[in-house]
C-alpha atoms as a PDB file:
ATOM      1  CA  MET A   1     162.981 -62.942  68.212  1.00  0.00           C
ATOM      2  CA  ASN A   2     163.161 -63.239  64.473  1.00  0.00           C
ATOM      3  CA  ALA A   3     164.209 -60.777  61.802  1.00  0.00           C
ATOM      4  CA  ALA A   4     160.567 -59.921  61.044  1.00  0.00           C
ATOM      5  CA  ARG A   5     160.281 -58.385  64.518  1.00  0.00           C
ATOM      6  CA  VAL A   6     163.278 -56.063  64.187  1.00  0.00           C
ATOM      7  CA  GLN A   7     162.105 -52.522  64.907  1.00  0.00           C
ATOM      8  CA  ALA A   8     163.494 -49.015  64.867  1.00  0.00           C
ATOM      9  CA  PRO A   9     165.357 -48.387  68.105  1.00  0.00           C
ATOM     10  CA  VAL A  10     164.025 -46.384  71.015  1.00  0.00           C
ATOM     11  CA  VAL A  11     166.632 -43.680  71.678  1.00  0.00           C
ATOM     12  CA  MET A  12     167.010 -42.126  75.116  1.00  0.00           C
ATOM     13  CA  ASP A  13     169.556 -39.782  76.649  1.00  0.00           C
ATOM     14  CA  ARG A  14     169.973 -38.973  80.323  1.00  0.00           C
ATOM     15  CA  LYS A  15     172.242 -36.121  81.392  1.00  0.00           C
ATOM     16  CA  THR A  16     172.850 -35.009  84.956  1.00  0.00           C
ATOM     17  CA  SER A  17     175.662 -33.214  86.722  1.00  0.00           C
ATOM     18  CA  GLU A  18     176.970 -36.703  87.586  1.00  0.00           C
ATOM     19  CA  THR A  19     176.463 -38.789  84.442  1.00  0.00           C
ATOM     20  CA  THR A  20     175.785 -38.861  80.726  1.00  0.00           C
ATOM     21  CA  VAL A  21     173.960 -41.905  79.333  1.00  0.00           C
ATOM     22  CA  HIS A  22     172.948 -42.663  75.734  1.00  0.00           C
ATOM     23  CA  VAL A  23     170.806 -45.751  75.028  1.00  0.00           C
ATOM     24  CA  GLU A  24     169.331 -47.255  71.875  1.00  0.00           C
ATOM     25  CA  VAL A  25     167.102 -50.314  72.368  1.00  0.00           C
ATOM     26  CA  ALA A  26     165.040 -52.389  69.954  1.00  0.00           C
ATOM     27  CA  ILE A  27     163.586 -55.865  69.889  1.00  0.00           C
ATOM     28  CA  GLY A  28     165.981 -57.610  67.554  1.00  0.00           C
ATOM     29  CA  SER A  29     168.610 -60.326  67.779  1.00  0.00           C
ATOM     30  CA  GLY A  30     170.483 -59.490  70.986  1.00  0.00           C
ATOM     31  CA  ARG A  31     173.357 -57.483  69.526  1.00  0.00           C
ATOM     32  CA  ALA A  32     175.171 -55.201  71.957  1.00  0.00           C
ATOM     33  CA  ALA A  33     177.622 -52.310  71.660  1.00  0.00           C
ATOM     34  CA  VAL A  34     178.310 -51.239  75.237  1.00  0.00           C
ATOM     35  CA  ASN A  35     180.805 -48.864  76.859  1.00  0.00           C
ATOM     36  CA  THR A  36     179.974 -47.600  80.332  1.00  0.00           C
ATOM     37  CA  THR A  37     183.523 -47.281  81.744  1.00  0.00           C
ATOM     38  CA  VAL A  38     182.505 -49.963  84.303  1.00  0.00           C
ATOM     39  CA  PRO A  39     183.758 -53.329  82.957  1.00  0.00           C
ATOM     40  CA  PHE A  40     181.410 -55.585  84.962  1.00  0.00           C
ATOM     41  CA  LEU A  41     178.414 -53.397  84.026  1.00  0.00           C
ATOM     42  CA  ASP A  42     179.476 -53.633  80.365  1.00  0.00           C
ATOM     43  CA  HIS A  43     179.497 -57.421  80.736  1.00  0.00           C
ATOM     44  CA  MET A  44     176.052 -57.502  82.401  1.00  0.00           C
ATOM     45  CA  MET A  45     174.498 -55.200  79.786  1.00  0.00           C
ATOM     46  CA  THR A  46     175.909 -57.392  77.005  1.00  0.00           C
ATOM     47  CA  VAL A  47     174.499 -60.466  78.781  1.00  0.00           C
ATOM     48  CA  LEU A  48     171.093 -58.780  79.174  1.00  0.00           C
ATOM     49  CA  ALA A  49     170.975 -57.859  75.481  1.00  0.00           C
ATOM     50  CA  ARG A  50     172.009 -61.338  74.343  1.00  0.00           C
ATOM     51  CA  TYR A  51     169.533 -63.249  76.497  1.00  0.00           C
ATOM     52  CA  SER A  52     166.608 -60.846  76.045  1.00  0.00           C
ATOM     53  CA  GLY A  53     166.954 -60.584  72.276  1.00  0.00           C
ATOM     54  CA  PHE A  54     166.965 -56.792  72.551  1.00  0.00           C
ATOM     55  CA  ASP A  55     169.546 -54.950  70.482  1.00  0.00           C
ATOM     56  CA  LEU A  56     171.354 -52.503  72.747  1.00  0.00           C
ATOM     57  CA  THR A  57     173.673 -49.598  72.081  1.00  0.00           C
ATOM     58  CA  LEU A  58     174.862 -48.022  75.310  1.00  0.00           C
ATOM     59  CA  GLU A  59     177.400 -45.288  76.091  1.00  0.00           C
ATOM     60  CA  ALA A  60     177.787 -43.963  79.621  1.00  0.00           C
ATOM     61  CA  SER A  61     180.267 -41.985  81.648  1.00  0.00           C
ATOM     62  CA  GLY A  62     180.219 -40.246  84.972  1.00  0.00           C
ATOM     63  CA  ASP A  63     181.830 -39.368  88.247  1.00  0.00           C
ATOM     64  CA  LEU A  64     181.210 -42.477  90.386  1.00  0.00           C
ATOM     65  CA  ARG A  65     180.619 -46.148  89.602  1.00  0.00           C
ATOM     66  CA  HIS A  66     177.401 -46.071  91.683  1.00  0.00           C
ATOM     67  CA  HIS A  67     176.005 -43.124  89.700  1.00  0.00           C
ATOM     68  CA  ILE A  68     176.840 -44.722  86.355  1.00  0.00           C
ATOM     69  CA  ILE A  69     175.247 -48.063  87.333  1.00  0.00           C
ATOM     70  CA  GLU A  70     172.095 -46.382  88.651  1.00  0.00           C
ATOM     71  CA  ASP A  71     171.641 -44.015  85.701  1.00  0.00           C
ATOM     72  CA  VAL A  72     172.244 -46.815  83.181  1.00  0.00           C
ATOM     73  CA  ALA A  73     169.508 -48.839  84.925  1.00  0.00           C
ATOM     74  CA  LEU A  74     167.084 -45.912  84.827  1.00  0.00           C
ATOM     75  CA  THR A  75     167.738 -45.170  81.157  1.00  0.00           C
ATOM     76  CA  VAL A  76     167.770 -48.784  79.956  1.00  0.00           C
ATOM     77  CA  GLY A  77     164.604 -49.559  81.943  1.00  0.00           C
ATOM     78  CA  ALA A  78     162.690 -46.652  80.420  1.00  0.00           C
ATOM     79  CA  ALA A  79     163.919 -47.484  76.902  1.00  0.00           C
ATOM     80  CA  VAL A  80     163.059 -51.192  77.199  1.00  0.00           C
ATOM     81  CA  ALA A  81     159.559 -50.281  78.417  1.00  0.00           C
ATOM     82  CA  ARG A  82     159.023 -48.112  75.334  1.00  0.00           C
ATOM     83  CA  ALA A  83     160.275 -50.879  73.021  1.00  0.00           C
ATOM     84  CA  ILE A  84     157.847 -53.502  74.348  1.00  0.00           C
ATOM     85  CA  PRO A  85     154.669 -53.695  72.221  1.00  0.00           C
ATOM     86  CA  ALA A  86     151.298 -52.885  73.820  1.00  0.00           C
ATOM     87  CA  THR A  87     150.177 -56.392  72.859  1.00  0.00           C
ATOM     88  CA  ALA A  88     153.146 -58.118  74.500  1.00  0.00           C
ATOM     89  CA  ALA A  89     152.652 -61.432  76.282  1.00  0.00           C
ATOM     90  CA  ARG A  90     153.435 -59.389  79.419  1.00  0.00           C
ATOM     91  CA  TYR A  91     154.669 -62.179  81.707  1.00  0.00           C
ATOM     92  CA  GLY A  92     157.933 -64.088  81.628  1.00  0.00           C
ATOM     93  CA  GLU A  93     159.790 -66.519  83.864  1.00  0.00           C
ATOM     94  CA  ARG A  94     163.138 -68.279  83.700  1.00  0.00           C
ATOM     95  CA  THR A  95     165.431 -70.101  86.074  1.00  0.00           C
ATOM     96  CA  VAL A  96     169.107 -70.094  85.106  1.00  0.00           C
ATOM     97  CA  PRO A  97     172.017 -72.102  86.511  1.00  0.00           C
ATOM     98  CA  MET A  98     175.566 -70.791  86.409  1.00  0.00           C
ATOM     99  CA  ASP A  99     177.998 -73.229  87.949  1.00  0.00           C
ATOM    100  CA  GLU A 100     176.938 -73.563  91.631  1.00  0.00           C
ATOM    101  CA  SER A 101     174.375 -70.750  91.332  1.00  0.00           C
ATOM    102  CA  LEU A 102     170.690 -71.007  90.491  1.00  0.00           C
ATOM    103  CA  VAL A 103     168.564 -67.872  90.060  1.00  0.00           C
ATOM    104  CA  GLN A 104     164.908 -67.431  89.075  1.00  0.00           C
ATOM    105  CA  ALA A 105     163.451 -64.272  87.502  1.00  0.00           C
ATOM    106  CA  VAL A 106     159.715 -63.687  87.122  1.00  0.00           C
ATOM    107  CA  ILE A 107     158.624 -60.476  85.385  1.00  0.00           C
ATOM    108  CA  ASP A 108     155.448 -58.596  84.510  1.00  0.00           C
ATOM    109  CA  VAL A 109     156.006 -55.729  82.054  1.00  0.00           C
ATOM    110  CA  GLY A 110     152.433 -54.488  82.531  1.00  0.00           C
ATOM    111  CA  GLY A 111     153.145 -51.084  84.053  1.00  0.00           C
ATOM    112  CA  ARG A 112     153.449 -51.640  87.803  1.00  0.00           C
ATOM    113  CA  PRO A 113     156.880 -50.967  89.320  1.00  0.00           C
ATOM    114  CA  PHE A 114     157.921 -53.422  92.015  1.00  0.00           C
ATOM    115  CA  TYR A 115     161.159 -55.244  92.761  1.00  0.00           C
ATOM    116  CA  GLU A 116     161.757 -58.079  95.176  1.00  0.00           C
ATOM    117  CA  GLY A 117     165.237 -59.524  95.565  1.00  0.00           C
ATOM    118  CA  PRO A 118     167.844 -59.320  96.774  1.00  0.00           C
ATOM    119  CA  ILE A 119     170.901 -60.457  94.895  1.00  0.00           C
ATOM    120  CA  PRO A 120     174.215 -60.386  96.811  1.00  0.00           C
ATOM    121  CA  SER A 121     175.564 -57.116  95.443  1.00  0.00           C
ATOM    122  CA  ASN A 122     174.275 -53.780  96.687  1.00  0.00           C
ATOM    123  CA  LEU A 123     175.161 -52.077  93.389  1.00  0.00           C
ATOM    124  CA  TYR A 124     173.477 -54.627  91.141  1.00  0.00           C
ATOM    125  CA  ASP A 125     170.515 -55.132  93.462  1.00  0.00           C
ATOM    126  CA  HIS A 126     170.074 -51.353  93.173  1.00  0.00           C
ATOM    127  CA  TRP A 127     170.405 -51.713  89.358  1.00  0.00           C
ATOM    128  CA  MET A 128     167.493 -54.174  89.362  1.00  0.00           C
ATOM    129  CA  ARG A 129     165.306 -51.889  91.508  1.00  0.00           C
ATOM    130  CA  SER A 130     166.093 -48.800  89.389  1.00  0.00           C
ATOM    131  CA  PHE A 131     165.474 -50.742  86.153  1.00  0.00           C
ATOM    132  CA  CYS A 132     162.041 -51.826  87.455  1.00  0.00           C
ATOM    133  CA  ASP A 133     161.129 -48.364  88.710  1.00  0.00           C
ATOM    134  CA  ALA A 134     162.000 -46.695  85.396  1.00  0.00           C
ATOM    135  CA  GLY A 135     160.396 -49.393  83.233  1.00  0.00           C
ATOM    136  CA  LYS A 136     157.387 -49.880  85.497  1.00  0.00           C
ATOM    137  CA  PHE A 137     158.147 -53.604  85.671  1.00  0.00           C
ATOM    138  CA  THR A 138     157.347 -56.052  88.446  1.00  0.00           C
ATOM    139  CA  LEU A 139     160.351 -58.323  88.977  1.00  0.00           C
ATOM    140  CA  HIS A 140     160.860 -61.069  91.517  1.00  0.00           C
ATOM    141  CA  LEU A 141     164.400 -62.479  91.682  1.00  0.00           C
ATOM    142  CA  ARG A 142     165.054 -65.538  93.801  1.00  0.00           C
ATOM    143  CA  VAL A 143     168.539 -66.795  94.489  1.00  0.00           C
ATOM    144  CA  LEU A 144     167.867 -70.497  94.930  1.00  0.00           C
ATOM    145  CA  ARG A 145     171.533 -71.499  95.350  1.00  0.00           C
ATOM    146  CA  GLY A 146     174.975 -70.058  95.078  1.00  0.00           C
ATOM    147  CA  ASP A 147     178.146 -69.010  96.824  1.00  0.00           C
ATOM    148  CA  ASP A 148     180.019 -67.009  94.181  1.00  0.00           C
ATOM    149  CA  ARG A 149     178.653 -63.452  93.984  1.00  0.00           C
ATOM    150  CA  HIS A 150     179.755 -63.021  90.344  1.00  0.00           C
ATOM    151  CA  HIS A 151     177.934 -66.215  89.325  1.00  0.00           C
ATOM    152  CA  ILE A 152     174.753 -65.221  91.165  1.00  0.00           C
ATOM    153  CA  VAL A 153     174.642 -61.719  89.667  1.00  0.00           C
ATOM    154  CA  GLU A 154     175.364 -62.997  86.165  1.00  0.00           C
ATOM    155  CA  ALA A 155     172.743 -65.749  86.485  1.00  0.00           C
ATOM    156  CA  ALA A 156     170.272 -63.046  87.609  1.00  0.00           C
ATOM    157  CA  PHE A 157     170.940 -60.953  84.479  1.00  0.00           C
ATOM    158  CA  LYS A 158     170.645 -64.036  82.251  1.00  0.00           C
ATOM    159  CA  ALA A 159     167.372 -65.056  83.910  1.00  0.00           C
ATOM    160  CA  LEU A 160     166.067 -61.488  83.609  1.00  0.00           C
ATOM    161  CA  GLY A 161     167.031 -61.456  79.932  1.00  0.00           C
ATOM    162  CA  PHE A 162     165.221 -64.717  79.173  1.00  0.00           C
ATOM    163  CA  ALA A 163     162.143 -63.550  81.147  1.00  0.00           C
ATOM    164  CA  LEU A 164     162.123 -60.251  79.208  1.00  0.00           C
ATOM    165  CA  ARG A 165     162.369 -62.157  75.923  1.00  0.00           C
ATOM    166  CA  GLN A 166     159.324 -64.218  76.877  1.00  0.00           C
ATOM    167  CA  SER A 167     157.300 -61.235  78.142  1.00  0.00           C
ATOM    168  CA  ALA A 168     158.009 -59.027  75.108  1.00  0.00           C
ATOM    169  CA  VAL A 169     156.656 -61.457  72.496  1.00  0.00           C
ATOM    170  CA  ASP A 170     153.910 -59.719  70.535  1.00  0.00           C
ATOM    171  CA  SER A 171     150.839 -61.837  71.288  1.00  0.00           C
ATOM    172  CA  GLY A 172     148.407 -59.720  69.275  1.00  0.00           C
ATOM    173  CA  ALA A 173     146.236 -59.249  72.378  1.00  0.00           C
ATOM    174  CA  VAL A 174     146.270 -56.960  75.406  1.00  0.00           C
ATOM    175  CA  PHE A 175     146.708 -59.074  78.548  1.00  0.00           C
ATOM    176  CA  SER A 176     144.794 -56.971  81.044  1.00  0.00           C
ATOM    177  CA  THR A 177     141.152 -56.854  82.031  1.00  0.00           C
ATOM    178  CA  LYS A 178     141.600 -53.053  81.991  1.00  0.00           C
ATOM    179  CA  GLY A 179     142.502 -53.109  78.298  1.00  0.00           C
ATOM    180  CA  ALA A 180     145.361 -50.957  77.038  1.00  0.00           C
ATOM    181  CA  VAL A 181     146.369 -48.463  79.718  1.00  0.00           C
ATOM    182  CA  THR A 182     147.485 -44.975  78.732  1.00  0.00           C
ATOM    183  CA  LEU A 183     148.626 -42.087  80.898  1.00  0.00           C
ATOM    184  CA  GLU A 184     148.429 -38.456  79.841  1.00  0.00           C
ATOM    185  CA  GLY A 185     149.554 -35.207  81.332  1.00  0.00           C
ATOM    186  CA  ALA A 186     152.698 -33.294  82.092  1.00  0.00           C
END
């Protein structure tokens, strides 16, 4: 993504009795300022920002690691969906190696939530599902090879980032036979 595509960030806050999450997302250059109190999640969110080309500011805190990871996924997914232009290319695919691991991500950002995995971490597999549900993304992740769980999960976030980068490119056209889809109501 080039400097001409830098946009004002989408700002979202999620507050529950368990967590507080603040997210700012914009198509940009992949800069990240992340503090979730969960070091591996911080690393994965920084990876996602870098590889997707989305600028990400993220602050999160909460009672349990599971709640923080889930609520970050929900908030980031919704914010990314709002940042993607209506005339985005819509589809993206990337296969990423990381040492012995090889992971493929295929995404459609066209408004239909579906996730097919899994990756070998219940917490981060749940992150992927929550991200897709909130963003209304279809994501298929395939672990083609790998033994090291850290490598597989990180390769999955890198592949997702690259696929998002490809799908978010402003094509100037709406890629749906339905045309631009809007939803209204409370």
